[in-house]
């Protein structure tokens, strides 16, 4: 889907997407380092605390993550801390959920359309 161009009504502005090999970031060697595992455990514990404080049931929790190894590993650690199954419907990979870095010449500029 191409968004409407706010400066020129009726005209659509294409979005640039950088494509890379699908296996990038998905290999086993890209899992979390020990410090990252600790951080994911702390995040899970903090999230669990909020759920308990707000009386939110665990069956309402959904963990969505990208297919990258580190986000998958993070989701597994958080699910383990919450004691929820790492299966659907509570945990699911979203193939379209990916972060891209286009370099400082693109990332450090405003891209808002006024």
PDB file of N, CA and C in Angstrom:
ATOM      1  N   UNK A   1       0.840  -1.168   0.000  1.00  0.00           N
ATOM      2  CA  UNK A   1       0.000   0.000   0.000  1.00  0.00           C
ATOM      3  C   UNK A   1       0.885   1.230   0.000  1.00  0.00           C
ATOM      4  N   UNK A   2       0.565   2.185  -0.833  1.00  0.00           N
ATOM      5  CA  UNK A   2       1.331   3.420  -0.934  1.00  0.00           C
ATOM      6  C   UNK A   2       0.504   4.533  -0.302  1.00  0.00           C
ATOM      7  N   UNK A   3       1.063   5.262   0.679  1.00  0.00           N
ATOM      8  CA  UNK A   3       0.289   6.301   1.356  1.00  0.00           C
ATOM      9  C   UNK A   3       0.038   7.516   0.473  1.00  0.00           C
ATOM     10  N   UNK A   4      -1.029   8.215   0.810  1.00  0.00           N
ATOM     11  CA  UNK A   4      -1.338   9.455   0.099  1.00  0.00           C
ATOM     12  C   UNK A   4      -0.299  10.512   0.432  1.00  0.00           C
ATOM     13  N   UNK A   5       0.028  11.338  -0.527  1.00  0.00           N
ATOM     14  CA  UNK A   5       0.959  12.435  -0.350  1.00  0.00           C
ATOM     15  C   UNK A   5       0.169  13.624   0.173  1.00  0.00           C
ATOM     16  N   UNK A   6       0.495  14.093   1.392  1.00  0.00           N
ATOM     17  CA  UNK A   6      -0.256  15.196   1.999  1.00  0.00           C
ATOM     18  C   UNK A   6      -0.016  16.524   1.291  1.00  0.00           C
ATOM     19  N   UNK A   7       1.128  16.661   0.626  1.00  0.00           N
ATOM     20  CA  UNK A   7       1.436  17.908  -0.062  1.00  0.00           C
ATOM     21  C   UNK A   7       0.730  18.002  -1.407  1.00  0.00           C
ATOM     22  N   UNK A   8       0.451  16.877  -2.010  1.00  0.00           N
ATOM     23  CA  UNK A   8      -0.222  16.846  -3.309  1.00  0.00           C
ATOM     24  C   UNK A   8      -1.396  15.877  -3.206  1.00  0.00           C
ATOM     25  N   UNK A   9      -2.576  16.375  -2.766  1.00  0.00           N
ATOM     26  CA  UNK A   9      -3.733  15.499  -2.584  1.00  0.00           C
ATOM     27  C   UNK A   9      -4.023  14.676  -3.837  1.00  0.00           C
ATOM     28  N   UNK A  10      -4.376  13.426  -3.624  1.00  0.00           N
ATOM     29  CA  UNK A  10      -4.688  12.530  -4.727  1.00  0.00           C
ATOM     30  C   UNK A  10      -3.482  11.799  -5.280  1.00  0.00           C
ATOM     31  N   UNK A  11      -2.280  12.282  -4.962  1.00  0.00           N
ATOM     32  CA  UNK A  11      -1.060  11.634  -5.440  1.00  0.00           C
ATOM     33  C   UNK A  11      -0.488  10.759  -4.334  1.00  0.00           C
ATOM     34  N   UNK A  12       0.004   9.631  -4.704  1.00  0.00           N
ATOM     35  CA  UNK A  12       0.582   8.712  -3.722  1.00  0.00           C
ATOM     36  C   UNK A  12       2.111   8.779  -3.774  1.00  0.00           C
ATOM     37  N   UNK A  13       2.718   8.619  -2.613  1.00  0.00           N
ATOM     38  CA  UNK A  13       4.164   8.656  -2.498  1.00  0.00           C
ATOM     39  C   UNK A  13       4.673   7.251  -2.206  1.00  0.00           C
ATOM     40  N   UNK A  14       5.565   6.713  -3.040  1.00  0.00           N
ATOM     41  CA  UNK A  14       6.071   5.361  -2.771  1.00  0.00           C
ATOM     42  C   UNK A  14       6.967   5.338  -1.536  1.00  0.00           C
ATOM     43  N   UNK A  15       6.960   4.219  -0.867  1.00  0.00           N
ATOM     44  CA  UNK A  15       7.821   4.019   0.288  1.00  0.00           C
ATOM     45  C   UNK A  15       9.001   3.176  -0.172  1.00  0.00           C
ATOM     46  N   UNK A  16      10.218   3.596   0.177  1.00  0.00           N
ATOM     47  CA  UNK A  16      11.407   2.835  -0.186  1.00  0.00           C
ATOM     48  C   UNK A  16      11.627   1.737   0.849  1.00  0.00           C
ATOM     49  N   UNK A  17      11.888   0.555   0.399  1.00  0.00           N
ATOM     50  CA  UNK A  17      12.133  -0.578   1.280  1.00  0.00           C
ATOM     51  C   UNK A  17      13.451  -1.215   0.870  1.00  0.00           C
ATOM     52  N   UNK A  18      14.310  -1.441   1.851  1.00  0.00           N
ATOM     53  CA  UNK A  18      15.587  -2.096   1.609  1.00  0.00           C
ATOM     54  C   UNK A  18      15.395  -3.588   1.847  1.00  0.00           C
ATOM     55  N   UNK A  19      15.730  -4.396   0.876  1.00  0.00           N
ATOM     56  CA  UNK A  19      15.598  -5.844   1.006  1.00  0.00           C
ATOM     57  C   UNK A  19      16.967  -6.465   1.237  1.00  0.00           C
ATOM     58  N   UNK A  20      17.014  -7.462   2.064  1.00  0.00           N
ATOM     59  CA  UNK A  20      18.252  -8.160   2.349  1.00  0.00           C
ATOM     60  C   UNK A  20      17.963  -9.653   2.341  1.00  0.00           C
ATOM     61  N   UNK A  21      18.986 -10.492   2.303  1.00  0.00           N
ATOM     62  CA  UNK A  21      18.732 -11.933   2.307  1.00  0.00           C
ATOM     63  C   UNK A  21      17.899 -12.335   3.519  1.00  0.00           C
ATOM     64  N   UNK A  22      16.912 -13.193   3.314  1.00  0.00           N
ATOM     65  CA  UNK A  22      15.992 -13.581   4.386  1.00  0.00           C
ATOM     66  C   UNK A  22      16.698 -14.196   5.583  1.00  0.00           C
ATOM     67  N   UNK A  23      17.839 -14.836   5.383  1.00  0.00           N
ATOM     68  CA  UNK A  23      18.496 -15.494   6.508  1.00  0.00           C
ATOM     69  C   UNK A  23      19.238 -14.521   7.418  1.00  0.00           C
ATOM     70  N   UNK A  24      19.485 -13.280   6.968  1.00  0.00           N
ATOM     71  CA  UNK A  24      20.188 -12.316   7.807  1.00  0.00           C
ATOM     72  C   UNK A  24      19.446 -12.126   9.119  1.00  0.00           C
ATOM     73  N   UNK A  25      20.163 -12.234  10.211  1.00  0.00           N
ATOM     74  CA  UNK A  25      19.582 -12.032  11.523  1.00  0.00           C
ATOM     75  C   UNK A  25      18.794 -13.218  12.042  1.00  0.00           C
ATOM     76  N   UNK A  26      18.676 -14.273  11.247  1.00  0.00           N
ATOM     77  CA  UNK A  26      17.892 -15.432  11.664  1.00  0.00           C
ATOM     78  C   UNK A  26      18.766 -16.620  12.064  1.00  0.00           C
ATOM     79  N   UNK A  27      20.047 -16.511  11.854  1.00  0.00           N
ATOM     80  CA  UNK A  27      20.929 -17.631  12.149  1.00  0.00           C
ATOM     81  C   UNK A  27      21.098 -17.807  13.658  1.00  0.00           C
ATOM     82  N   UNK A  28      21.325 -19.028  14.063  1.00  0.00           N
ATOM     83  CA  UNK A  28      21.459 -19.388  15.474  1.00  0.00           C
ATOM     84  C   UNK A  28      22.525 -18.545  16.181  1.00  0.00           C
ATOM     85  N   UNK A  29      23.590 -18.205  15.485  1.00  0.00           N
ATOM     86  CA  UNK A  29      24.682 -17.458  16.114  1.00  0.00           C
ATOM     87  C   UNK A  29      24.285 -16.036  16.511  1.00  0.00           C
ATOM     88  N   UNK A  30      23.127 -15.569  16.053  1.00  0.00           N
ATOM     89  CA  UNK A  30      22.693 -14.210  16.372  1.00  0.00           C
ATOM     90  C   UNK A  30      21.808 -14.145  17.609  1.00  0.00           C
ATOM     91  N   UNK A  31      21.783 -15.197  18.414  1.00  0.00           N
ATOM     92  CA  UNK A  31      20.965 -15.189  19.633  1.00  0.00           C
ATOM     93  C   UNK A  31      21.521 -14.180  20.637  1.00  0.00           C
ATOM     94  N   UNK A  32      20.789 -14.004  21.735  1.00  0.00           N
ATOM     95  CA  UNK A  32      21.184 -13.055  22.766  1.00  0.00           C
ATOM     96  C   UNK A  32      22.467 -13.485  23.472  1.00  0.00           C
ATOM     97  N   UNK A  33      23.251 -12.498  23.843  1.00  0.00           N
ATOM     98  CA  UNK A  33      24.409 -12.722  24.695  1.00  0.00           C
ATOM     99  C   UNK A  33      23.887 -12.889  26.126  1.00  0.00           C
ATOM    100  N   UNK A  34      24.717 -13.385  27.050  1.00  0.00           N
ATOM    101  CA  UNK A  34      24.260 -13.553  28.439  1.00  0.00           C
ATOM    102  C   UNK A  34      23.655 -12.277  29.037  1.00  0.00           C
ATOM    103  N   UNK A  35      24.246 -11.138  28.755  1.00  0.00           N
ATOM    104  CA  UNK A  35      23.700  -9.866  29.269  1.00  0.00           C
ATOM    105  C   UNK A  35      22.317  -9.589  28.675  1.00  0.00           C
ATOM    106  N   UNK A  36      22.128  -9.909  27.416  1.00  0.00           N
ATOM    107  CA  UNK A  36      20.824  -9.727  26.778  1.00  0.00           C
ATOM    108  C   UNK A  36      19.763 -10.633  27.384  1.00  0.00           C
ATOM    109  N   UNK A  37      20.165 -11.846  27.752  1.00  0.00           N
ATOM    110  CA  UNK A  37      19.230 -12.766  28.409  1.00  0.00           C
ATOM    111  C   UNK A  37      18.797 -12.184  29.751  1.00  0.00           C
ATOM    112  N   UNK A  38      19.757 -11.651  30.509  1.00  0.00           N
ATOM    113  CA  UNK A  38      19.425 -11.018  31.799  1.00  0.00           C
ATOM    114  C   UNK A  38      18.461  -9.853  31.597  1.00  0.00           C
ATOM    115  N   UNK A  39      18.717  -9.043  30.571  1.00  0.00           N
ATOM    116  CA  UNK A  39      17.837  -7.906  30.290  1.00  0.00           C
ATOM    117  C   UNK A  39      16.434  -8.374  29.916  1.00  0.00           C
ATOM    118  N   UNK A  40      16.332  -9.433  29.133  1.00  0.00           N
ATOM    119  CA  UNK A  40      15.022  -9.969  28.755  1.00  0.00           C
ATOM    120  C   UNK A  40      14.297 -10.523  29.979  1.00  0.00           C
ATOM    121  N   UNK A  41      15.034 -11.182  30.879  1.00  0.00           N
ATOM    122  CA  UNK A  41      14.426 -11.685  32.116  1.00  0.00           C
ATOM    123  C   UNK A  41      13.893 -10.535  32.960  1.00  0.00           C
ATOM    124  N   UNK A  42      14.680  -9.472  33.084  1.00  0.00           N
ATOM    125  CA  UNK A  42      14.235  -8.295  33.844  1.00  0.00           C
ATOM    126  C   UNK A  42      13.009  -7.655  33.205  1.00  0.00           C
ATOM    127  N   UNK A  43      12.995  -7.592  31.879  1.00  0.00           N
ATOM    128  CA  UNK A  43      11.831  -7.033  31.178  1.00  0.00           C
ATOM    129  C   UNK A  43      10.596  -7.887  31.451  1.00  0.00           C
ATOM    130  N   UNK A  44      10.757  -9.208  31.411  1.00  0.00           N
ATOM    131  CA  UNK A  44       9.650 -10.111  31.703  1.00  0.00           C
ATOM    132  C   UNK A  44       9.152  -9.947  33.125  1.00  0.00           C
ATOM    133  N   UNK A  45      10.083  -9.816  34.073  1.00  0.00           N
ATOM    134  CA  UNK A  45       9.708  -9.621  35.476  1.00  0.00           C
ATOM    135  C   UNK A  45       8.974  -8.300  35.670  1.00  0.00           C
ATOM    136  N   UNK A  46       9.445  -7.243  35.019  1.00  0.00           N
ATOM    137  CA  UNK A  46       8.772  -5.937  35.105  1.00  0.00           C
ATOM    138  C   UNK A  46       7.372  -6.007  34.515  1.00  0.00           C
ATOM    139  N   UNK A  47       7.248  -6.685  33.387  1.00  0.00           N
ATOM    140  CA  UNK A  47       5.949  -6.829  32.734  1.00  0.00           C
ATOM    141  C   UNK A  47       4.994  -7.631  33.618  1.00  0.00           C
ATOM    142  N   UNK A  48       5.495  -8.708  34.212  1.00  0.00           N
ATOM    143  CA  UNK A  48       4.680  -9.538  35.099  1.00  0.00           C
ATOM    144  C   UNK A  48       4.200  -8.734  36.303  1.00  0.00           C
ATOM    145  N   UNK A  49       5.069  -7.888  36.834  1.00  0.00           N
ATOM    146  CA  UNK A  49       4.703  -7.035  37.975  1.00  0.00           C
ATOM    147  C   UNK A  49       3.541  -6.117  37.599  1.00  0.00           C
ATOM    148  N   UNK A  50       3.621  -5.502  36.423  1.00  0.00           N
ATOM    149  CA  UNK A  50       2.547  -4.611  35.955  1.00  0.00           C
ATOM    150  C   UNK A  50       1.249  -5.391  35.768  1.00  0.00           C
ATOM    151  N   UNK A  51       1.339  -6.572  35.188  1.00  0.00           N
ATOM    152  CA  UNK A  51       0.145  -7.399  34.992  1.00  0.00           C
ATOM    153  C   UNK A  51      -0.529  -7.706  36.326  1.00  0.00           C
ATOM    154  N   UNK A  52       0.279  -8.067  37.327  1.00  0.00           N
ATOM    155  CA  UNK A  52      -0.268  -8.394  38.648  1.00  0.00           C
ATOM    156  C   UNK A  52      -0.866  -7.162  39.322  1.00  0.00           C
ATOM    157  N   UNK A  53      -0.149  -6.030  39.242  1.00  0.00           N
ATOM    158  CA  UNK A  53      -0.643  -4.792  39.857  1.00  0.00           C
ATOM    159  C   UNK A  53      -1.972  -4.361  39.258  1.00  0.00           C
ATOM    160  N   UNK A  54      -2.136  -4.576  37.966  1.00  0.00           N
ATOM    161  CA  UNK A  54      -3.359  -4.156  37.272  1.00  0.00           C
ATOM    162  C   UNK A  54      -4.389  -5.284  37.159  1.00  0.00           C
ATOM    163  N   UNK A  55      -4.123  -6.412  37.825  1.00  0.00           N
ATOM    164  CA  UNK A  55      -5.037  -7.564  37.791  1.00  0.00           C
ATOM    165  C   UNK A  55      -5.383  -8.000  36.370  1.00  0.00           C
ATOM    166  N   UNK A  56      -4.376  -8.030  35.511  1.00  0.00           N
ATOM    167  CA  UNK A  56      -4.582  -8.457  34.125  1.00  0.00           C
ATOM    168  C   UNK A  56      -4.213  -9.932  34.004  1.00  0.00           C
ATOM    169  N   UNK A  57      -5.121 -10.751  33.497  1.00  0.00           N
ATOM    170  CA  UNK A  57      -4.842 -12.187  33.407  1.00  0.00           C
ATOM    171  C   UNK A  57      -3.813 -12.520  32.322  1.00  0.00           C
ATOM    172  N   UNK A  58      -2.978 -13.496  32.611  1.00  0.00           N
ATOM    173  CA  UNK A  58      -1.944 -13.917  31.660  1.00  0.00           C
ATOM    174  C   UNK A  58      -2.530 -14.442  30.359  1.00  0.00           C
ATOM    175  N   UNK A  59      -3.737 -14.997  30.395  1.00  0.00           N
ATOM    176  CA  UNK A  59      -4.320 -15.516  29.152  1.00  0.00           C
ATOM    177  C   UNK A  59      -4.631 -14.406  28.152  1.00  0.00           C
ATOM    178  N   UNK A  60      -4.628 -13.149  28.610  1.00  0.00           N
ATOM    179  CA  UNK A  60      -4.849 -12.019  27.697  1.00  0.00           C
ATOM    180  C   UNK A  60      -3.554 -11.501  27.076  1.00  0.00           C
ATOM    181  N   UNK A  61      -2.425 -12.016  27.521  1.00  0.00           N
ATOM    182  CA  UNK A  61      -1.118 -11.558  27.033  1.00  0.00           C
ATOM    183  C   UNK A  61      -0.838 -12.162  25.660  1.00  0.00           C
ATOM    184  N   UNK A  62      -0.354 -11.320  24.754  1.00  0.00           N
ATOM    185  CA  UNK A  62       0.100 -11.762  23.436  1.00  0.00           C
ATOM    186  C   UNK A  62       1.508 -11.219  23.224  1.00  0.00           C
ATOM    187  N   UNK A  63       2.420 -12.072  22.865  1.00  0.00           N
ATOM    188  CA  UNK A  63       3.796 -11.665  22.581  1.00  0.00           C
ATOM    189  C   UNK A  63       4.015 -11.840  21.084  1.00  0.00           C
ATOM    190  N   UNK A  64       4.205 -10.732  20.398  1.00  0.00           N
ATOM    191  CA  UNK A  64       4.463 -10.748  18.952  1.00  0.00           C
ATOM    192  C   UNK A  64       5.911 -10.324  18.731  1.00  0.00           C
ATOM    193  N   UNK A  65       6.598 -11.013  17.864  1.00  0.00           N
ATOM    194  CA  UNK A  65       8.018 -10.751  17.666  1.00  0.00           C
ATOM    195  C   UNK A  65       8.395 -10.976  16.209  1.00  0.00           C
ATOM    196  N   UNK A  66       9.522 -10.386  15.814  1.00  0.00           N
ATOM    197  CA  UNK A  66      10.004 -10.542  14.441  1.00  0.00           C
ATOM    198  C   UNK A  66      10.687 -11.901  14.295  1.00  0.00           C
ATOM    199  N   UNK A  67      10.966 -12.325  13.072  1.00  0.00           N
ATOM    200  CA  UNK A  67      11.619 -13.620  12.864  1.00  0.00           C
ATOM    201  C   UNK A  67      13.122 -13.619  13.155  1.00  0.00           C
ATOM    202  N   UNK A  68      13.678 -12.485  13.537  1.00  0.00           N
ATOM    203  CA  UNK A  68      15.106 -12.434  13.813  1.00  0.00           C
ATOM    204  C   UNK A  68      15.440 -13.244  15.062  1.00  0.00           C
ATOM    205  N   UNK A  69      16.597 -13.861  15.086  1.00  0.00           N
ATOM    206  CA  UNK A  69      16.997 -14.745  16.183  1.00  0.00           C
ATOM    207  C   UNK A  69      16.957 -14.061  17.540  1.00  0.00           C
ATOM    208  N   UNK A  70      17.455 -12.829  17.605  1.00  0.00           N
ATOM    209  CA  UNK A  70      17.519 -12.161  18.908  1.00  0.00           C
ATOM    210  C   UNK A  70      16.140 -11.776  19.423  1.00  0.00           C
ATOM    211  N   UNK A  71      15.238 -11.374  18.545  1.00  0.00           N
ATOM    212  CA  UNK A  71      13.892 -11.047  19.023  1.00  0.00           C
ATOM    213  C   UNK A  71      13.133 -12.324  19.381  1.00  0.00           C
ATOM    214  N   UNK A  72      13.365 -13.393  18.634  1.00  0.00           N
ATOM    215  CA  UNK A  72      12.743 -14.676  18.968  1.00  0.00           C
ATOM    216  C   UNK A  72      13.239 -15.158  20.322  1.00  0.00           C
ATOM    217  N   UNK A  73      14.544 -15.067  20.541  1.00  0.00           N
ATOM    218  CA  UNK A  73      15.133 -15.483  21.813  1.00  0.00           C
ATOM    219  C   UNK A  73      14.588 -14.617  22.954  1.00  0.00           C
ATOM    220  N   UNK A  74      14.491 -13.310  22.736  1.00  0.00           N
ATOM    221  CA  UNK A  74      13.933 -12.409  23.749  1.00  0.00           C
ATOM    222  C   UNK A  74      12.503 -12.815  24.087  1.00  0.00           C
ATOM    223  N   UNK A  75      11.699 -13.072  23.070  1.00  0.00           N
ATOM    224  CA  UNK A  75      10.305 -13.470  23.288  1.00  0.00           C
ATOM    225  C   UNK A  75      10.230 -14.782  24.067  1.00  0.00           C
ATOM    226  N   UNK A  76      11.127 -15.724  23.769  1.00  0.00           N
ATOM    227  CA  UNK A  76      11.150 -16.998  24.495  1.00  0.00           C
ATOM    228  C   UNK A  76      11.465 -16.781  25.972  1.00  0.00           C
ATOM    229  N   UNK A  77      12.436 -15.921  26.252  1.00  0.00           N
ATOM    230  CA  UNK A  77      12.822 -15.648  27.636  1.00  0.00           C
ATOM    231  C   UNK A  77      11.668 -14.975  28.381  1.00  0.00           C
ATOM    232  N   UNK A  78      11.060 -13.971  27.771  1.00  0.00           N
ATOM    233  CA  UNK A  78       9.940 -13.266  28.408  1.00  0.00           C
ATOM    234  C   UNK A  78       8.776 -14.230  28.640  1.00  0.00           C
ATOM    235  N   UNK A  79       8.455 -15.048  27.658  1.00  0.00           N
ATOM    236  CA  UNK A  79       7.371 -16.027  27.810  1.00  0.00           C
ATOM    237  C   UNK A  79       7.671 -16.988  28.956  1.00  0.00           C
ATOM    238  N   UNK A  80       8.925 -17.382  29.083  1.00  0.00           N
ATOM    239  CA  UNK A  80       9.323 -18.282  30.164  1.00  0.00           C
ATOM    240  C   UNK A  80       9.125 -17.623  31.529  1.00  0.00           C
ATOM    241  N   UNK A  81       9.532 -16.366  31.651  1.00  0.00           N
ATOM    242  CA  UNK A  81       9.355 -15.629  32.909  1.00  0.00           C
ATOM    243  C   UNK A  81       7.871 -15.503  33.249  1.00  0.00           C
ATOM    244  N   UNK A  82       7.048 -15.248  32.229  1.00  0.00           N
ATOM    245  CA  UNK A  82       5.605 -15.106  32.444  1.00  0.00           C
ATOM    246  C   UNK A  82       4.924 -16.457  32.636  1.00  0.00           C
ATOM    247  N   UNK A  83       5.635 -17.538  32.337  1.00  0.00           N
ATOM    248  CA  UNK A  83       5.098 -18.892  32.394  1.00  0.00           C
ATOM    249  C   UNK A  83       3.914 -19.061  31.443  1.00  0.00           C
ATOM    250  N   UNK A  84       4.101 -18.532  30.213  1.00  0.00           N
ATOM    251  CA  UNK A  84       3.094 -18.725  29.163  1.00  0.00           C
ATOM    252  C   UNK A  84       3.711 -19.590  28.065  1.00  0.00           C
ATOM    253  N   UNK A  85       2.874 -20.301  27.358  1.00  0.00           N
ATOM    254  CA  UNK A  85       3.323 -21.180  26.285  1.00  0.00           C
ATOM    255  C   UNK A  85       3.910 -20.364  25.141  1.00  0.00           C
ATOM    256  N   UNK A  86       5.011 -20.866  24.570  1.00  0.00           N
ATOM    257  CA  UNK A  86       5.613 -20.187  23.418  1.00  0.00           C
ATOM    258  C   UNK A  86       4.986 -20.711  22.128  1.00  0.00           C
ATOM    259  N   UNK A  87       3.701 -20.883  22.145  1.00  0.00           N
ATOM    260  CA  UNK A  87       2.919 -21.347  21.000  1.00  0.00           C
ATOM    261  C   UNK A  87       1.792 -20.355  20.766  1.00  0.00           C
ATOM    262  N   UNK A  88       1.186 -20.438  19.584  1.00  0.00           N
ATOM    263  CA  UNK A  88      -0.001 -19.630  19.330  1.00  0.00           C
ATOM    264  C   UNK A  88      -1.094 -20.051  20.283  1.00  0.00           C
ATOM    265  N   UNK A  89      -1.991 -19.215  20.684  1.00  0.00           N
ATOM    266  CA  UNK A  89      -2.159 -17.834  20.252  1.00  0.00           C
ATOM    267  C   UNK A  89      -1.350 -16.835  21.066  1.00  0.00           C
ATOM    268  N   UNK A  90      -0.723 -17.279  22.183  1.00  0.00           N
ATOM    269  CA  UNK A  90      -0.074 -16.290  23.039  1.00  0.00           C
ATOM    270  C   UNK A  90       1.214 -15.724  22.463  1.00  0.00           C
ATOM    271  N   UNK A  91       1.968 -16.512  21.752  1.00  0.00           N
ATOM    272  CA  UNK A  91       3.216 -16.031  21.155  1.00  0.00           C
ATOM    273  C   UNK A  91       3.174 -16.300  19.656  1.00  0.00           C
ATOM    274  N   UNK A  92       3.502 -15.275  18.890  1.00  0.00           N
ATOM    275  CA  UNK A  92       3.502 -15.484  17.440  1.00  0.00           C
ATOM    276  C   UNK A  92       4.521 -14.594  16.747  1.00  0.00           C
ATOM    277  N   UNK A  93       5.161 -15.177  15.755  1.00  0.00           N
ATOM    278  CA  UNK A  93       6.118 -14.439  14.938  1.00  0.00           C
ATOM    279  C   UNK A  93       5.341 -13.681  13.862  1.00  0.00           C
ATOM    280  N   UNK A  94       5.734 -12.436  13.650  1.00  0.00           N
ATOM    281  CA  UNK A  94       5.151 -11.612  12.590  1.00  0.00           C
ATOM    282  C   UNK A  94       6.257 -11.320  11.588  1.00  0.00           C
ATOM    283  N   UNK A  95       6.189 -11.956  10.433  1.00  0.00           N
ATOM    284  CA  UNK A  95       7.246 -11.807   9.430  1.00  0.00           C
ATOM    285  C   UNK A  95       7.439 -10.368   8.973  1.00  0.00           C
ATOM    286  N   UNK A  96       6.393  -9.560   9.030  1.00  0.00           N
ATOM    287  CA  UNK A  96       6.506  -8.173   8.574  1.00  0.00           C
ATOM    288  C   UNK A  96       7.079  -7.243   9.638  1.00  0.00           C
ATOM    289  N   UNK A  97       7.320  -7.759  10.821  1.00  0.00           N
ATOM    290  CA  UNK A  97       7.836  -6.942  11.914  1.00  0.00           C
ATOM    291  C   UNK A  97       9.358  -7.017  11.904  1.00  0.00           C
ATOM    292  N   UNK A  98       9.979  -6.061  11.221  1.00  0.00           N
ATOM    293  CA  UNK A  98      11.437  -6.041  11.083  1.00  0.00           C
ATOM    294  C   UNK A  98      11.936  -4.614  11.208  1.00  0.00           C
ATOM    295  N   UNK A  99      13.096  -4.481  11.799  1.00  0.00           N
ATOM    296  CA  UNK A  99      13.718  -3.176  11.918  1.00  0.00           C
ATOM    297  C   UNK A  99      14.788  -3.055  10.846  1.00  0.00           C
ATOM    298  N   UNK A 100      14.863  -1.897  10.238  1.00  0.00           N
ATOM    299  CA  UNK A 100      15.881  -1.644   9.222  1.00  0.00           C
ATOM    300  C   UNK A 100      16.646  -0.384   9.586  1.00  0.00           C
ATOM    301  N   UNK A 101      17.907  -0.367   9.301  1.00  0.00           N
ATOM    302  CA  UNK A 101      18.714   0.834   9.460  1.00  0.00           C
ATOM    303  C   UNK A 101      19.201   1.219   8.076  1.00  0.00           C
ATOM    304  N   UNK A 102      18.833   2.412   7.640  1.00  0.00           N
ATOM    305  CA  UNK A 102      19.154   2.853   6.287  1.00  0.00           C
ATOM    306  C   UNK A 102      20.411   3.718   6.234  1.00  0.00           C
ATOM    307  N   UNK A 103      21.112   3.846   7.349  1.00  0.00           N
ATOM    308  CA  UNK A 103      22.326   4.646   7.385  1.00  0.00           C
ATOM    309  C   UNK A 103      22.059   6.041   7.909  1.00  0.00           C
ATOM    310  N   UNK A 104      23.107   6.705   8.429  1.00  0.00           N
ATOM    311  CA  UNK A 104      22.926   8.010   9.057  1.00  0.00           C
ATOM    312  C   UNK A 104      22.425   9.090   8.106  1.00  0.00           C
ATOM    313  N   UNK A 105      22.737   8.984   6.822  1.00  0.00           N
ATOM    314  CA  UNK A 105      22.286  10.020   5.888  1.00  0.00           C
ATOM    315  C   UNK A 105      20.768  10.010   5.747  1.00  0.00           C
ATOM    316  N   UNK A 106      20.141   8.883   6.027  1.00  0.00           N
ATOM    317  CA  UNK A 106      18.679   8.791   5.959  1.00  0.00           C
ATOM    318  C   UNK A 106      18.064   8.842   7.355  1.00  0.00           C
ATOM    319  N   UNK A 107      18.644   8.135   8.304  1.00  0.00           N
ATOM    320  CA  UNK A 107      18.070   7.981   9.637  1.00  0.00           C
ATOM    321  C   UNK A 107      18.089   9.269  10.456  1.00  0.00           C
ATOM    322  N   UNK A 108      19.049  10.118  10.241  1.00  0.00           N
ATOM    323  CA  UNK A 108      19.193  11.307  11.080  1.00  0.00           C
ATOM    324  C   UNK A 108      18.474  12.528  10.519  1.00  0.00           C
ATOM    325  N   UNK A 109      17.533  12.335   9.625  1.00  0.00           N
ATOM    326  CA  UNK A 109      16.787  13.442   9.027  1.00  0.00           C
ATOM    327  C   UNK A 109      15.301  13.250   9.270  1.00  0.00           C
ATOM    328  N   UNK A 110      14.588  14.356   9.311  1.00  0.00           N
ATOM    329  CA  UNK A 110      13.137  14.299   9.442  1.00  0.00           C
ATOM    330  C   UNK A 110      12.536  13.887   8.104  1.00  0.00           C
ATOM    331  N   UNK A 111      11.535  13.025   8.154  1.00  0.00           N
ATOM    332  CA  UNK A 111      10.862  12.575   6.937  1.00  0.00           C
ATOM    333  C   UNK A 111       9.367  12.831   7.022  1.00  0.00           C
ATOM    334  N   UNK A 112       8.997  13.777   7.875  1.00  0.00           N
ATOM    335  CA  UNK A 112       7.585  14.112   8.026  1.00  0.00           C
ATOM    336  C   UNK A 112       7.094  14.870   6.806  1.00  0.00           C
ATOM    337  N   UNK A 113       5.869  14.580   6.439  1.00  0.00           N
ATOM    338  CA  UNK A 113       5.229  15.296   5.337  1.00  0.00           C
ATOM    339  C   UNK A 113       4.272  16.282   5.958  1.00  0.00           C
ATOM    340  N   UNK A 114       4.462  17.580   5.647  1.00  0.00           N
ATOM    341  CA  UNK A 114       3.566  18.570   6.248  1.00  0.00           C
ATOM    342  C   UNK A 114       2.374  18.851   5.374  1.00  0.00           C
TER     343      UNK A 114
END
